[in-house]
Each structure stands twice: as C-alpha cells, then as structure tokens.
C-alpha cells in the first residue's frame, strides 16, 4: 500500500479499514507475514483433491493452507476471512494467487480491521 505522510491514504470497505495490502512474488511454498504481535503464515499445498483452504493456530501462528491454488489466471479467498483480534478489533484477511510454471506465484494480500 502506498502511503505518504504528506498524503495519507485510508481505505475502507464493508465496514472494515484496510491496514495492509500488497503483492509478493514467491518461489517458495510458503510466506510469513507479521502484523503487530500476530504471525500469519500462508502455505501452498498440492494434493489430489479440489481447491480449498484451511486454517489453524500452530505454535502461536495462524497457519492458512491454500490447497491446489495453481491457476495461472488466479484464484483466492475474496470474502474477508476472520483470523483473530488486533487491538480489540476483528482482524480479517483476503488473498489472491496467480501461479505460473514451476510454482512461481504472485500472491496478493489484504488485512483489514473491523470494529468488534
């Protein structure tokens, strides 16, 4: 997200305030993001089933597994997914992944806060 002290940007949608958004180019099967004291780890899993996601807390980290996210046109979690609390507010995330040959990925993420 581009933000300047001269021209601060505040983005809101559906009663949520966007606190971080960006694009990461990946060649590894996982990425870790830290927001304040919370760690969110996305892992890309391949199996013989359909495209899906799952999540759980492991060792104080929120681990979101993205199973079979391998579409070159892209796919993702577009409906905000609640993943925790931050400063007394509900923390939500969305993501969108485009995968090319050799499991190279463009990973787009957004984190939002909603009043609880």
N, C-alpha and C. Protein backbone atom coordinates (compact mmCIF):
# COMPACT_ATOMS: atom_id res chain seq x y z
N UNK A 1 0.85 -1.16 0.00
CA UNK A 1 0.00 0.00 0.00
C UNK A 1 0.90 1.23 0.00
N UNK A 2 0.60 2.14 -0.85
CA UNK A 2 1.35 3.39 -0.91
C UNK A 2 0.74 4.33 0.12
N UNK A 3 1.60 4.88 0.95
CA UNK A 3 1.13 5.82 1.96
C UNK A 3 2.22 6.86 2.16
N UNK A 4 1.86 8.08 2.23
CA UNK A 4 2.81 9.17 2.40
C UNK A 4 2.37 10.01 3.58
N UNK A 5 3.32 10.50 4.34
CA UNK A 5 2.95 11.35 5.47
C UNK A 5 2.30 12.64 4.98
N UNK A 6 2.62 13.05 3.76
CA UNK A 6 2.02 14.26 3.20
C UNK A 6 0.59 14.00 2.72
N UNK A 7 0.35 12.79 2.19
CA UNK A 7 -0.96 12.43 1.66
C UNK A 7 -1.37 11.07 2.19
N UNK A 8 -1.76 10.97 3.46
CA UNK A 8 -2.14 9.67 4.00
C UNK A 8 -3.38 9.10 3.29
N UNK A 9 -3.38 7.82 3.10
CA UNK A 9 -4.48 7.14 2.43
C UNK A 9 -5.18 6.26 3.44
N UNK A 10 -6.49 6.36 3.51
CA UNK A 10 -7.30 5.50 4.37
C UNK A 10 -8.31 4.81 3.46
N UNK A 11 -8.31 3.48 3.49
CA UNK A 11 -9.21 2.71 2.64
C UNK A 11 -10.17 1.94 3.53
N UNK A 12 -11.47 2.06 3.24
CA UNK A 12 -12.49 1.34 3.98
C UNK A 12 -13.42 0.65 3.00
N UNK A 13 -13.91 -0.53 3.40
CA UNK A 13 -14.88 -1.26 2.61
C UNK A 13 -15.67 -2.18 3.51
N UNK A 14 -16.95 -2.25 3.30
CA UNK A 14 -17.84 -3.15 4.06
C UNK A 14 -17.64 -3.03 5.57
N UNK A 15 -17.47 -1.82 6.06
CA UNK A 15 -17.32 -1.60 7.49
C UNK A 15 -15.96 -1.97 8.04
N UNK A 16 -14.98 -2.21 7.18
CA UNK A 16 -13.62 -2.58 7.58
C UNK A 16 -12.64 -1.53 7.09
N UNK A 17 -11.55 -1.37 7.84
CA UNK A 17 -10.47 -0.48 7.44
C UNK A 17 -9.28 -1.32 7.00
N UNK A 18 -8.80 -1.07 5.80
CA UNK A 18 -7.63 -1.79 5.29
C UNK A 18 -6.40 -1.27 6.04
N UNK A 19 -5.63 -2.20 6.64
CA UNK A 19 -4.42 -1.80 7.37
C UNK A 19 -3.15 -2.19 6.62
N UNK A 20 -3.26 -3.14 5.70
CA UNK A 20 -2.10 -3.53 4.88
C UNK A 20 -2.58 -4.25 3.64
N UNK A 21 -1.89 -4.00 2.54
CA UNK A 21 -2.23 -4.64 1.29
C UNK A 21 -0.99 -4.62 0.41
N UNK A 22 -0.76 -5.70 -0.32
CA UNK A 22 0.42 -5.71 -1.17
C UNK A 22 0.49 -6.93 -2.05
N UNK A 23 1.60 -7.01 -2.78
CA UNK A 23 1.86 -8.12 -3.70
C UNK A 23 3.25 -8.66 -3.39
N UNK A 24 3.35 -9.98 -3.33
CA UNK A 24 4.63 -10.65 -3.10
C UNK A 24 4.82 -11.66 -4.21
N UNK A 25 6.02 -11.71 -4.78
CA UNK A 25 6.34 -12.73 -5.77
C UNK A 25 7.09 -13.85 -5.06
N UNK A 26 6.55 -15.07 -5.19
CA UNK A 26 7.07 -16.20 -4.42
C UNK A 26 7.61 -17.30 -5.32
N UNK A 27 8.68 -17.93 -4.87
CA UNK A 27 9.17 -19.15 -5.50
C UNK A 27 9.22 -20.29 -4.49
N UNK A 28 8.82 -20.00 -3.26
CA UNK A 28 8.79 -20.97 -2.18
C UNK A 28 7.34 -21.33 -1.85
N UNK A 29 7.10 -22.45 -1.19
CA UNK A 29 5.72 -22.88 -0.90
C UNK A 29 5.08 -22.23 0.33
N UNK A 30 5.70 -21.19 0.87
CA UNK A 30 5.05 -20.50 1.99
C UNK A 30 5.57 -19.09 2.13
N UNK A 31 4.78 -18.28 2.83
CA UNK A 31 5.15 -16.90 3.12
C UNK A 31 4.64 -16.56 4.52
N UNK A 32 5.43 -15.80 5.25
CA UNK A 32 5.08 -15.43 6.63
C UNK A 32 4.94 -13.91 6.69
N UNK A 33 3.83 -13.45 7.26
CA UNK A 33 3.59 -12.02 7.45
C UNK A 33 3.38 -11.77 8.93
N UNK A 34 3.94 -10.69 9.44
CA UNK A 34 3.79 -10.33 10.85
C UNK A 34 3.06 -9.00 10.94
N UNK A 35 2.00 -8.99 11.74
CA UNK A 35 1.20 -7.79 11.95
C UNK A 35 1.17 -7.55 13.45
N UNK A 36 1.84 -6.50 13.89
CA UNK A 36 1.98 -6.23 15.33
C UNK A 36 2.53 -7.48 16.00
N UNK A 37 1.77 -8.10 16.88
CA UNK A 37 2.26 -9.29 17.59
C UNK A 37 1.68 -10.58 17.02
N UNK A 38 1.04 -10.51 15.86
CA UNK A 38 0.44 -11.69 15.25
C UNK A 38 1.25 -12.15 14.04
N UNK A 39 1.41 -13.47 13.92
CA UNK A 39 2.10 -14.05 12.77
C UNK A 39 1.08 -14.83 11.95
N UNK A 40 1.03 -14.55 10.66
CA UNK A 40 0.15 -15.27 9.74
C UNK A 40 1.05 -15.92 8.69
N UNK A 41 0.92 -17.22 8.55
CA UNK A 41 1.75 -17.97 7.61
C UNK A 41 0.82 -18.63 6.58
N UNK A 42 1.06 -18.36 5.31
CA UNK A 42 0.32 -19.00 4.22
C UNK A 42 1.20 -20.11 3.67
N UNK A 43 0.62 -21.31 3.54
CA UNK A 43 1.34 -22.46 2.99
C UNK A 43 0.58 -22.97 1.78
N UNK A 44 1.31 -23.23 0.70
CA UNK A 44 0.72 -23.77 -0.52
C UNK A 44 0.91 -25.28 -0.53
N UNK A 45 -0.21 -26.01 -0.61
CA UNK A 45 -0.21 -27.47 -0.53
C UNK A 45 -0.75 -28.03 -1.84
N UNK A 46 -0.11 -29.08 -2.33
CA UNK A 46 -0.62 -29.80 -3.51
C UNK A 46 -1.10 -31.17 -3.07
N UNK A 47 -2.30 -31.54 -3.50
CA UNK A 47 -2.80 -32.89 -3.28
C UNK A 47 -3.74 -33.23 -4.42
N UNK A 48 -4.41 -34.35 -4.34
CA UNK A 48 -5.26 -34.80 -5.45
C UNK A 48 -6.72 -34.35 -5.31
N UNK A 49 -6.99 -33.47 -4.35
CA UNK A 49 -8.36 -33.02 -4.13
C UNK A 49 -8.62 -31.67 -4.79
N UNK A 50 -9.77 -31.07 -4.48
CA UNK A 50 -10.17 -29.79 -5.08
C UNK A 50 -9.43 -28.62 -4.44
N UNK A 51 -9.59 -27.45 -5.06
CA UNK A 51 -9.05 -26.22 -4.49
C UNK A 51 -9.83 -25.88 -3.23
N UNK A 52 -9.11 -25.58 -2.15
CA UNK A 52 -9.75 -25.25 -0.88
C UNK A 52 -8.73 -24.59 0.04
N UNK A 53 -9.19 -24.11 1.17
CA UNK A 53 -8.27 -23.57 2.17
C UNK A 53 -8.67 -24.08 3.53
N UNK A 54 -7.71 -24.09 4.44
CA UNK A 54 -7.97 -24.46 5.83
C UNK A 54 -7.03 -23.64 6.70
N UNK A 55 -7.38 -23.52 7.95
CA UNK A 55 -6.54 -22.74 8.85
C UNK A 55 -6.58 -23.27 10.27
N UNK A 56 -5.48 -23.05 10.97
CA UNK A 56 -5.40 -23.42 12.38
C UNK A 56 -4.25 -22.66 13.02
N UNK A 57 -4.29 -22.59 14.34
CA UNK A 57 -3.21 -21.95 15.09
C UNK A 57 -2.22 -23.03 15.49
N UNK A 58 -0.96 -22.81 15.11
CA UNK A 58 0.13 -23.74 15.44
C UNK A 58 1.27 -22.91 16.02
N UNK A 59 1.68 -23.24 17.26
CA UNK A 59 2.78 -22.52 17.92
C UNK A 59 2.57 -21.00 17.87
N UNK A 60 1.39 -20.57 18.22
CA UNK A 60 1.03 -19.14 18.26
C UNK A 60 1.09 -18.44 16.91
N UNK A 61 0.99 -19.20 15.82
CA UNK A 61 0.92 -18.62 14.49
C UNK A 61 -0.37 -19.07 13.82
N UNK A 62 -1.02 -18.17 13.10
CA UNK A 62 -2.17 -18.56 12.29
C UNK A 62 -1.61 -19.11 10.99
N UNK A 63 -1.87 -20.39 10.73
CA UNK A 63 -1.39 -21.04 9.51
C UNK A 63 -2.59 -21.26 8.59
N UNK A 64 -2.52 -20.65 7.41
CA UNK A 64 -3.57 -20.80 6.41
C UNK A 64 -2.99 -21.62 5.28
N UNK A 65 -3.61 -22.79 5.05
CA UNK A 65 -3.15 -23.68 3.98
C UNK A 65 -4.01 -23.46 2.74
N UNK A 66 -3.36 -23.18 1.65
CA UNK A 66 -4.04 -22.98 0.38
C UNK A 66 -3.77 -24.23 -0.47
N UNK A 67 -4.77 -25.09 -0.56
CA UNK A 67 -4.63 -26.37 -1.25
C UNK A 67 -4.94 -26.21 -2.73
N UNK A 68 -4.00 -26.58 -3.57
CA UNK A 68 -4.19 -26.63 -5.02
C UNK A 68 -4.52 -25.27 -5.65
N UNK A 69 -3.95 -24.22 -5.12
CA UNK A 69 -4.10 -22.88 -5.70
C UNK A 69 -3.04 -22.78 -6.80
N UNK A 70 -3.37 -23.28 -7.98
CA UNK A 70 -2.37 -23.34 -9.05
C UNK A 70 -2.90 -22.83 -10.38
N UNK A 71 -3.87 -21.97 -10.35
CA UNK A 71 -4.47 -21.43 -11.56
C UNK A 71 -3.65 -20.24 -12.05
N UNK A 72 -3.25 -20.26 -13.31
CA UNK A 72 -2.45 -19.16 -13.85
C UNK A 72 -3.27 -17.87 -13.98
N UNK A 73 -4.59 -17.99 -14.08
CA UNK A 73 -5.45 -16.81 -14.15
C UNK A 73 -5.74 -16.24 -12.77
N UNK A 74 -5.52 -17.04 -11.75
CA UNK A 74 -5.68 -16.59 -10.37
C UNK A 74 -6.92 -17.13 -9.69
N UNK A 75 -6.83 -17.24 -8.38
CA UNK A 75 -7.93 -17.68 -7.52
C UNK A 75 -7.58 -17.26 -6.11
N UNK A 76 -8.58 -17.22 -5.25
CA UNK A 76 -8.26 -16.78 -3.91
C UNK A 76 -9.42 -16.80 -2.95
N UNK A 77 -9.18 -16.19 -1.81
CA UNK A 77 -10.17 -16.01 -0.76
C UNK A 77 -10.58 -14.54 -0.85
N UNK A 78 -11.71 -14.29 -1.48
CA UNK A 78 -12.13 -12.91 -1.72
C UNK A 78 -13.11 -12.40 -0.67
N UNK A 79 -13.85 -13.30 -0.04
CA UNK A 79 -14.71 -12.91 1.06
C UNK A 79 -13.82 -12.80 2.30
N UNK A 80 -13.79 -11.64 2.98
CA UNK A 80 -12.89 -11.48 4.13
C UNK A 80 -13.06 -12.61 5.15
N UNK A 81 -11.92 -13.18 5.53
CA UNK A 81 -11.84 -14.31 6.45
C UNK A 81 -11.35 -13.81 7.80
N UNK A 82 -12.13 -14.04 8.85
CA UNK A 82 -11.74 -13.62 10.20
C UNK A 82 -10.62 -14.52 10.71
N UNK A 83 -9.50 -13.90 11.13
CA UNK A 83 -8.37 -14.71 11.60
C UNK A 83 -7.90 -14.37 13.00
N UNK A 84 -8.49 -13.38 13.64
CA UNK A 84 -8.07 -13.08 15.00
C UNK A 84 -8.51 -11.70 15.45
N UNK A 85 -7.87 -11.24 16.53
CA UNK A 85 -8.15 -9.92 17.11
C UNK A 85 -6.86 -9.13 17.16
N UNK A 86 -6.99 -7.84 16.93
CA UNK A 86 -5.85 -6.93 17.00
C UNK A 86 -6.34 -5.63 17.60
N UNK A 87 -5.78 -5.24 18.72
CA UNK A 87 -6.19 -4.01 19.41
C UNK A 87 -7.69 -3.97 19.67
N UNK A 88 -8.27 -5.12 20.03
CA UNK A 88 -9.68 -5.20 20.35
C UNK A 88 -10.60 -5.21 19.15
N UNK A 89 -10.04 -5.23 17.93
CA UNK A 89 -10.84 -5.25 16.72
C UNK A 89 -10.64 -6.59 16.01
N UNK A 90 -11.61 -6.95 15.18
CA UNK A 90 -11.54 -8.20 14.44
C UNK A 90 -10.60 -8.03 13.24
N UNK A 91 -9.63 -8.94 13.12
CA UNK A 91 -8.68 -8.93 12.01
C UNK A 91 -9.17 -9.88 10.94
N UNK A 92 -9.25 -9.38 9.71
CA UNK A 92 -9.70 -10.18 8.58
C UNK A 92 -8.63 -10.15 7.49
N UNK A 93 -8.68 -11.15 6.61
CA UNK A 93 -7.74 -11.19 5.50
C UNK A 93 -8.42 -11.67 4.23
N UNK A 94 -7.88 -11.26 3.11
CA UNK A 94 -8.24 -11.83 1.81
C UNK A 94 -6.92 -12.07 1.08
N UNK A 95 -6.97 -12.94 0.07
CA UNK A 95 -5.77 -13.15 -0.74
C UNK A 95 -6.18 -13.61 -2.13
N UNK A 96 -5.26 -13.42 -3.07
CA UNK A 96 -5.49 -13.84 -4.45
C UNK A 96 -4.14 -14.29 -4.99
N UNK A 97 -4.13 -15.46 -5.62
CA UNK A 97 -2.88 -16.09 -6.05
C UNK A 97 -2.95 -16.42 -7.53
N UNK A 98 -1.92 -16.03 -8.26
CA UNK A 98 -1.75 -16.47 -9.64
C UNK A 98 -0.48 -17.32 -9.68
N UNK A 99 -0.58 -18.53 -10.18
CA UNK A 99 0.55 -19.46 -10.20
C UNK A 99 0.95 -19.74 -11.63
N UNK A 100 2.25 -19.66 -11.91
CA UNK A 100 2.75 -19.96 -13.25
C UNK A 100 3.59 -21.24 -13.20
N UNK A 101 4.25 -21.52 -14.26
CA UNK A 101 5.07 -22.73 -14.34
C UNK A 101 6.10 -22.77 -13.21
N UNK A 102 6.39 -23.97 -12.77
CA UNK A 102 7.39 -24.12 -11.71
C UNK A 102 6.97 -23.59 -10.37
N UNK A 103 5.69 -23.44 -10.15
CA UNK A 103 5.16 -22.95 -8.87
C UNK A 103 5.63 -21.54 -8.50
N UNK A 104 5.90 -20.72 -9.49
CA UNK A 104 6.16 -19.31 -9.22
C UNK A 104 4.81 -18.64 -9.03
N UNK A 105 4.71 -17.81 -7.99
CA UNK A 105 3.41 -17.25 -7.65
C UNK A 105 3.47 -15.74 -7.48
N UNK A 106 2.35 -15.11 -7.83
CA UNK A 106 2.11 -13.73 -7.46
C UNK A 106 1.02 -13.81 -6.39
N UNK A 107 1.35 -13.40 -5.18
CA UNK A 107 0.47 -13.51 -4.02
C UNK A 107 0.04 -12.12 -3.60
N UNK A 108 -1.26 -11.85 -3.68
CA UNK A 108 -1.81 -10.56 -3.28
C UNK A 108 -2.55 -10.74 -1.97
N UNK A 109 -2.31 -9.86 -1.04
CA UNK A 109 -2.94 -9.99 0.28
C UNK A 109 -3.51 -8.66 0.73
N UNK A 110 -4.51 -8.77 1.60
CA UNK A 110 -5.08 -7.60 2.27
C UNK A 110 -5.43 -7.99 3.70
N UNK A 111 -5.11 -7.11 4.63
CA UNK A 111 -5.52 -7.27 6.02
C UNK A 111 -6.40 -6.09 6.38
N UNK A 112 -7.50 -6.37 7.09
CA UNK A 112 -8.47 -5.35 7.45
C UNK A 112 -8.86 -5.48 8.91
N UNK A 113 -9.29 -4.39 9.50
CA UNK A 113 -9.82 -4.39 10.87
C UNK A 113 -11.27 -3.96 10.83
N UNK A 114 -12.07 -4.65 11.65
CA UNK A 114 -13.50 -4.31 11.78
C UNK A 114 -13.78 -4.13 13.27
N UNK A 115 -14.56 -3.13 13.58
CA UNK A 115 -14.99 -2.96 14.97
C UNK A 115 -15.70 -4.23 15.42
N UNK A 116 -15.35 -4.74 16.57
CA UNK A 116 -15.97 -5.99 17.06
C UNK A 116 -17.37 -5.78 17.57
